Amino acid sequence: MSKEELVEMEGVVNEVLPQTRFRVTLDNGIEITAYASGKMRKHRIRILAGDKVTIEMSPYDLTYDLIKGRINFRHKDTHVQTPRPTTPRKLN
């Protein structure tokens, strides 16, 4: 199968599972199991719950009950960081 036949979809990571697997909800509401691509593992790109990701799927996987996909991109601006608490300063 060539790369042109893959279907790309976007979704949000719900749960981090063992062995670099993730439970992802796609934009159309379907929940799938996905794994990190080799380049993402090689460069140690961390994927956390709540991250928005792009997933590649085979068109044949769309017809089965257990849908699998490969995460090939993590969008940077989606994971919101919480502000650090400030400590009160003493006045002289």
Protein backbone atom coordinates (compact mmCIF):
# COMPACT_ATOMS: atom_id res chain seq x y z
CA MET A 1 0.00 0.00 0.00
CA SER A 2 1.38 3.38 -0.92
CA LYS A 3 1.29 6.47 1.26
CA GLU A 4 -1.18 8.21 -1.03
CA GLU A 5 -3.90 5.74 -0.04
CA LEU A 6 -3.84 6.66 3.67
CA VAL A 7 -6.63 8.73 5.21
CA GLU A 8 -5.58 11.63 7.47
CA MET A 9 -7.86 12.76 10.29
CA GLU A 10 -7.52 14.98 13.34
CA GLY A 11 -8.47 14.16 16.90
CA VAL A 12 -7.77 14.71 20.59
CA VAL A 13 -5.90 12.29 22.85
CA ASN A 14 -8.16 11.08 25.67
CA GLU A 15 -5.99 8.54 27.43
CA VAL A 16 -2.35 7.47 27.40
CA LEU A 17 -1.98 3.67 27.32
CA PRO A 18 1.15 1.49 27.76
CA GLN A 19 3.63 0.83 24.92
CA THR A 20 3.16 4.23 23.22
CA ARG A 21 -0.51 3.62 22.50
CA PHE A 22 -3.24 6.21 22.92
CA ARG A 23 -7.03 6.39 22.97
CA VAL A 24 -8.03 9.17 20.58
CA THR A 25 -11.41 10.72 19.79
CA LEU A 26 -11.60 11.90 16.20
CA ASP A 27 -13.35 15.09 15.12
CA ASN A 28 -16.32 13.05 13.87
CA GLY A 29 -16.79 11.50 17.35
CA ILE A 30 -15.35 8.03 16.73
CA GLU A 31 -12.95 6.70 19.38
CA ILE A 32 -9.92 4.77 18.11
CA THR A 33 -6.68 3.25 19.40
CA ALA A 34 -3.55 4.84 17.92
CA TYR A 35 0.20 4.40 18.25
CA ALA A 36 3.06 6.87 17.87
CA SER A 37 4.92 6.75 14.57
CA GLY A 38 8.56 5.71 14.42
CA LYS A 39 9.85 9.26 13.85
CA MET A 40 7.93 10.50 16.89
CA ARG A 41 9.44 7.74 19.03
CA LYS A 42 12.90 8.33 17.58
CA HIS A 43 12.85 12.06 18.39
CA ARG A 44 11.11 11.43 21.75
CA ILE A 45 8.12 13.67 21.03
CA ARG A 46 5.91 13.47 24.09
CA ILE A 47 2.16 13.07 23.61
CA LEU A 48 -0.08 13.91 26.56
CA ALA A 49 -3.80 13.62 27.20
CA GLY A 50 -5.55 16.65 25.75
CA ASP A 51 -3.13 17.11 22.83
CA LYS A 52 -4.54 17.59 19.34
CA VAL A 53 -2.97 15.14 16.88
CA THR A 54 -3.09 14.18 13.20
CA ILE A 55 -3.67 10.49 12.54
CA GLU A 56 -3.07 8.36 9.46
CA MET A 57 -5.42 5.45 8.92
CA SER A 58 -5.81 2.80 6.28
CA PRO A 59 -9.11 3.05 4.39
CA TYR A 60 -9.65 -0.64 5.16
CA ASP A 61 -9.55 0.03 8.92
CA LEU A 62 -12.67 2.20 8.65
CA THR A 63 -14.89 -0.85 8.15
CA TYR A 64 -13.82 -2.85 11.23
CA ASP A 65 -15.08 -2.61 14.81
CA LEU A 66 -11.56 -2.10 16.21
CA ILE A 67 -10.17 0.94 14.41
CA LYS A 68 -6.44 1.59 14.58
CA GLY A 69 -4.35 4.54 13.47
CA ARG A 70 -0.84 5.98 13.54
CA ILE A 71 -0.15 9.38 15.11
CA ASN A 72 2.21 11.28 12.84
CA PHE A 73 1.91 14.88 14.10
CA ARG A 74 1.22 16.62 17.41
CA HIS A 75 -0.11 20.16 17.15
CA LYS A 76 1.86 22.51 19.40
CA ASP A 77 -0.67 25.17 20.36
CA THR A 78 -3.39 22.93 21.78
CA HIS A 79 -2.04 21.86 25.18
CA VAL A 80 -2.78 24.72 27.59
CA GLN A 81 -0.22 25.38 30.30
CA THR A 82 -1.42 26.47 33.71
CA PRO A 83 0.13 29.66 35.10
CA ARG A 84 2.63 29.26 37.91
CA PRO A 85 1.45 30.44 41.31
CA THR A 86 3.21 33.55 42.55
CA THR A 87 4.66 33.77 46.02
CA PRO A 88 4.06 36.92 48.02
CA ARG A 89 7.14 39.08 48.53
CA LYS A 90 8.10 40.66 51.82
CA LEU A 91 8.16 44.41 51.91
CA ASN A 92 11.10 46.06 53.67
